[in-house]
């Protein structure tokens, strides 16, 4: 069986594609994969990355926690809709 060699242009494209896929996999593994509830070697880097992303998006961690606590309180103490029935 004869194997046909691929051209130099195709080899460059293959190498570039492989480099992009490898870089994306490393980025995703470092910053996004959830390795469970315990501390791991990427915990500090992931926390740092999430703080930076939240800062770019204008998400305030303290305000978010306050909003979640308020929403939880509203679910525990439902208000009436004016007719006497709970929402």
N, C-alpha and C. Protein backbone atom coordinates (compact mmCIF):
# COMPACT_ATOMS: atom_id res chain seq x y z
N UNK A 1 0.85 -1.16 0.00
CA UNK A 1 0.00 0.00 0.00
C UNK A 1 0.90 1.24 0.00
N UNK A 2 0.67 2.08 -0.94
CA UNK A 2 1.43 3.31 -1.05
C UNK A 2 0.68 4.44 -0.35
N UNK A 3 1.40 5.18 0.48
CA UNK A 3 0.81 6.31 1.18
C UNK A 3 1.21 7.58 0.44
N UNK A 4 0.22 8.35 0.09
CA UNK A 4 0.48 9.56 -0.66
C UNK A 4 0.86 10.68 0.31
N UNK A 5 2.01 11.29 0.15
CA UNK A 5 2.41 12.38 1.04
C UNK A 5 1.54 13.61 0.79
N UNK A 6 1.31 14.37 1.84
CA UNK A 6 0.52 15.59 1.66
C UNK A 6 1.45 16.76 1.36
N UNK A 7 0.92 17.76 0.74
CA UNK A 7 1.73 18.90 0.32
C UNK A 7 2.20 19.71 1.53
N UNK A 8 3.17 20.58 1.28
CA UNK A 8 3.69 21.44 2.35
C UNK A 8 2.60 22.36 2.88
N UNK A 9 1.77 22.86 2.01
CA UNK A 9 0.68 23.75 2.42
C UNK A 9 -0.30 23.00 3.33
N UNK A 10 -0.61 21.79 2.97
CA UNK A 10 -1.52 20.99 3.80
C UNK A 10 -0.87 20.64 5.14
N UNK A 11 0.43 20.39 5.15
CA UNK A 11 1.14 20.10 6.39
C UNK A 11 1.11 21.32 7.32
N UNK A 12 1.33 22.51 6.77
CA UNK A 12 1.29 23.73 7.57
C UNK A 12 -0.10 23.94 8.15
N UNK A 13 -1.12 23.71 7.34
CA UNK A 13 -2.50 23.86 7.81
C UNK A 13 -2.80 22.86 8.92
N UNK A 14 -2.33 21.63 8.76
CA UNK A 14 -2.53 20.59 9.77
C UNK A 14 -1.83 20.98 11.08
N UNK A 15 -0.60 21.46 10.98
CA UNK A 15 0.14 21.87 12.18
C UNK A 15 -0.52 23.06 12.86
N UNK A 16 -0.99 24.02 12.08
CA UNK A 16 -1.65 25.19 12.65
C UNK A 16 -2.96 24.77 13.35
N UNK A 17 -3.71 23.91 12.71
CA UNK A 17 -4.96 23.42 13.31
C UNK A 17 -4.70 22.64 14.59
N UNK A 18 -3.67 21.83 14.57
CA UNK A 18 -3.30 21.07 15.77
C UNK A 18 -2.88 22.01 16.90
N UNK A 19 -2.12 23.05 16.59
CA UNK A 19 -1.69 24.00 17.60
C UNK A 19 -2.89 24.74 18.21
N UNK A 20 -3.85 25.14 17.38
CA UNK A 20 -5.03 25.84 17.87
C UNK A 20 -5.86 24.93 18.77
N UNK A 21 -6.07 23.71 18.36
CA UNK A 21 -6.86 22.76 19.16
C UNK A 21 -6.15 22.45 20.48
N UNK A 22 -4.84 22.29 20.44
CA UNK A 22 -4.08 22.02 21.66
C UNK A 22 -4.15 23.21 22.62
N UNK A 23 -4.00 24.42 22.09
CA UNK A 23 -4.07 25.62 22.94
C UNK A 23 -5.46 25.77 23.54
N UNK A 24 -6.50 25.55 22.77
CA UNK A 24 -7.87 25.66 23.27
C UNK A 24 -8.13 24.62 24.37
N UNK A 25 -7.67 23.41 24.18
CA UNK A 25 -7.85 22.35 25.18
C UNK A 25 -7.14 22.72 26.48
N UNK A 26 -5.93 23.24 26.39
CA UNK A 26 -5.18 23.64 27.59
C UNK A 26 -5.90 24.79 28.30
N UNK A 27 -6.36 25.79 27.54
CA UNK A 27 -7.09 26.93 28.11
C UNK A 27 -8.35 26.47 28.83
N UNK A 28 -9.12 25.62 28.18
CA UNK A 28 -10.36 25.13 28.75
C UNK A 28 -10.09 24.29 30.00
N UNK A 29 -9.09 23.43 29.92
CA UNK A 29 -8.74 22.60 31.07
C UNK A 29 -8.25 23.41 32.25
N UNK A 30 -7.55 24.47 32.00
CA UNK A 30 -7.01 25.29 33.07
C UNK A 30 -8.07 26.16 33.72
N UNK A 31 -8.93 26.79 32.93
CA UNK A 31 -9.84 27.80 33.46
C UNK A 31 -11.29 27.35 33.66
N UNK A 32 -11.77 26.33 32.97
CA UNK A 32 -13.19 26.03 32.99
C UNK A 32 -13.58 24.67 33.56
N UNK A 33 -12.75 23.67 33.49
CA UNK A 33 -13.14 22.33 33.95
C UNK A 33 -13.33 22.34 35.46
N UNK A 34 -14.43 21.76 35.91
CA UNK A 34 -14.73 21.63 37.33
C UNK A 34 -14.14 20.31 37.81
N UNK A 35 -13.14 20.41 38.69
CA UNK A 35 -12.46 19.22 39.18
C UNK A 35 -13.05 18.72 40.50
N UNK A 36 -14.22 19.19 40.86
CA UNK A 36 -14.88 18.75 42.08
C UNK A 36 -14.82 19.79 43.17
N UNK A 37 -15.43 19.48 44.32
CA UNK A 37 -15.54 20.47 45.40
C UNK A 37 -14.25 20.70 46.19
N UNK A 38 -13.30 19.83 46.07
CA UNK A 38 -12.05 19.96 46.84
C UNK A 38 -11.08 20.91 46.13
N UNK A 39 -10.11 21.41 46.90
CA UNK A 39 -9.07 22.26 46.33
C UNK A 39 -8.17 21.41 45.43
N UNK A 40 -7.70 22.00 44.36
CA UNK A 40 -6.80 21.30 43.44
C UNK A 40 -5.76 22.29 42.94
N UNK A 41 -4.86 21.85 42.12
CA UNK A 41 -3.75 22.70 41.70
C UNK A 41 -4.18 23.89 40.85
N UNK A 42 -5.36 23.85 40.25
CA UNK A 42 -5.82 24.96 39.42
C UNK A 42 -6.81 25.88 40.14
N UNK A 43 -7.12 25.61 41.40
CA UNK A 43 -8.13 26.39 42.12
C UNK A 43 -7.81 27.88 42.15
N UNK A 44 -6.58 28.23 42.52
CA UNK A 44 -6.22 29.64 42.61
C UNK A 44 -6.29 30.33 41.25
N UNK A 45 -5.80 29.67 40.22
CA UNK A 45 -5.82 30.24 38.87
C UNK A 45 -7.26 30.41 38.39
N UNK A 46 -8.12 29.44 38.66
CA UNK A 46 -9.52 29.54 38.25
C UNK A 46 -10.23 30.68 38.98
N UNK A 47 -9.97 30.84 40.29
CA UNK A 47 -10.58 31.94 41.03
C UNK A 47 -10.12 33.29 40.48
N UNK A 48 -8.82 33.40 40.21
CA UNK A 48 -8.28 34.64 39.65
C UNK A 48 -8.94 34.94 38.30
N UNK A 49 -9.04 33.95 37.43
CA UNK A 49 -9.63 34.13 36.11
C UNK A 49 -11.09 34.56 36.22
N UNK A 50 -11.85 33.91 37.10
CA UNK A 50 -13.26 34.26 37.25
C UNK A 50 -13.43 35.68 37.80
N UNK A 51 -12.56 36.11 38.71
CA UNK A 51 -12.62 37.49 39.21
C UNK A 51 -12.35 38.47 38.07
N UNK A 52 -11.37 38.16 37.23
CA UNK A 52 -11.06 39.05 36.10
C UNK A 52 -12.22 39.14 35.12
N UNK A 53 -12.82 38.00 34.80
CA UNK A 53 -13.96 37.99 33.88
C UNK A 53 -15.14 38.75 34.49
N UNK A 54 -15.42 38.50 35.77
CA UNK A 54 -16.50 39.23 36.45
C UNK A 54 -16.24 40.73 36.43
N UNK A 55 -15.00 41.13 36.65
CA UNK A 55 -14.65 42.54 36.61
C UNK A 55 -14.87 43.14 35.23
N UNK A 56 -14.52 42.41 34.19
CA UNK A 56 -14.73 42.92 32.83
C UNK A 56 -16.21 43.05 32.50
N UNK A 57 -17.02 42.15 33.05
CA UNK A 57 -18.46 42.17 32.78
C UNK A 57 -19.22 43.07 33.75
N UNK A 58 -18.51 43.63 34.74
CA UNK A 58 -19.15 44.52 35.69
C UNK A 58 -19.95 43.79 36.76
N UNK A 59 -19.60 42.55 37.04
CA UNK A 59 -20.30 41.78 38.06
C UNK A 59 -19.60 42.00 39.40
N UNK A 60 -20.36 42.51 40.37
CA UNK A 60 -19.83 42.75 41.71
C UNK A 60 -20.18 41.54 42.58
N UNK A 61 -19.17 40.86 43.10
CA UNK A 61 -19.38 39.63 43.86
C UNK A 61 -20.23 39.87 45.10
N UNK A 62 -19.97 40.95 45.82
CA UNK A 62 -20.73 41.23 47.04
C UNK A 62 -22.19 41.52 46.70
N UNK A 63 -22.43 42.30 45.67
CA UNK A 63 -23.80 42.62 45.26
C UNK A 63 -24.53 41.36 44.80
N UNK A 64 -23.82 40.49 44.12
CA UNK A 64 -24.42 39.25 43.63
C UNK A 64 -24.83 38.36 44.80
N UNK A 65 -23.95 38.22 45.81
CA UNK A 65 -24.29 37.41 46.98
C UNK A 65 -25.47 38.01 47.73
N UNK A 66 -25.52 39.34 47.82
CA UNK A 66 -26.63 40.02 48.49
C UNK A 66 -27.94 39.76 47.75
N UNK A 67 -27.89 39.81 46.42
CA UNK A 67 -29.09 39.56 45.60
C UNK A 67 -29.56 38.13 45.75
N UNK A 68 -28.64 37.18 45.77
CA UNK A 68 -29.01 35.77 45.94
C UNK A 68 -29.66 35.55 47.30
N UNK A 69 -29.09 36.15 48.35
CA UNK A 69 -29.67 36.02 49.70
C UNK A 69 -31.07 36.63 49.74
N UNK A 70 -31.26 37.77 49.08
CA UNK A 70 -32.57 38.41 49.05
C UNK A 70 -33.58 37.54 48.31
N UNK A 71 -33.16 36.98 47.17
CA UNK A 71 -34.06 36.11 46.40
C UNK A 71 -34.42 34.86 47.17
N UNK A 72 -33.46 34.29 47.90
CA UNK A 72 -33.74 33.11 48.72
C UNK A 72 -34.74 33.45 49.81
N UNK A 73 -34.61 34.63 50.42
CA UNK A 73 -35.54 35.07 51.45
C UNK A 73 -36.95 35.25 50.90
N UNK A 74 -37.07 35.76 49.69
CA UNK A 74 -38.38 35.95 49.07
C UNK A 74 -39.04 34.61 48.78
N UNK A 75 -38.26 33.61 48.42
CA UNK A 75 -38.84 32.29 48.15
C UNK A 75 -39.34 31.63 49.44
N UNK A 76 -38.67 31.89 50.54
CA UNK A 76 -39.10 31.32 51.82
C UNK A 76 -40.32 32.03 52.38
N UNK A 77 -40.48 33.32 52.08
CA UNK A 77 -41.59 34.12 52.58
C UNK A 77 -42.37 34.69 51.40
N UNK A 78 -43.16 33.87 50.71
CA UNK A 78 -43.88 34.37 49.52
C UNK A 78 -44.91 35.43 49.90
N UNK A 79 -45.10 36.37 49.00
CA UNK A 79 -46.08 37.44 49.21
C UNK A 79 -47.39 37.05 48.55
N UNK A 80 -48.42 37.75 48.85
CA UNK A 80 -49.71 37.48 48.23
C UNK A 80 -49.88 38.34 47.00
N UNK A 81 -50.76 37.91 46.13
CA UNK A 81 -50.99 38.66 44.89
C UNK A 81 -52.14 39.66 45.01
N UNK A 82 -52.61 39.89 46.23
CA UNK A 82 -53.70 40.85 46.42
C UNK A 82 -55.06 40.18 46.55
N UNK A 83 -55.15 38.93 46.16
CA UNK A 83 -56.42 38.20 46.25
C UNK A 83 -56.41 37.31 47.49
N UNK A 84 -55.29 37.15 48.10
CA UNK A 84 -55.20 36.32 49.29
C UNK A 84 -54.52 34.99 49.04
N UNK A 85 -54.16 34.74 47.78
CA UNK A 85 -53.47 33.49 47.47
C UNK A 85 -51.98 33.78 47.30
N UNK A 86 -51.19 32.81 47.65
CA UNK A 86 -49.74 32.98 47.48
C UNK A 86 -49.40 32.82 46.02
N UNK A 87 -48.36 33.55 45.61
CA UNK A 87 -47.90 33.47 44.21
C UNK A 87 -47.12 32.21 44.00
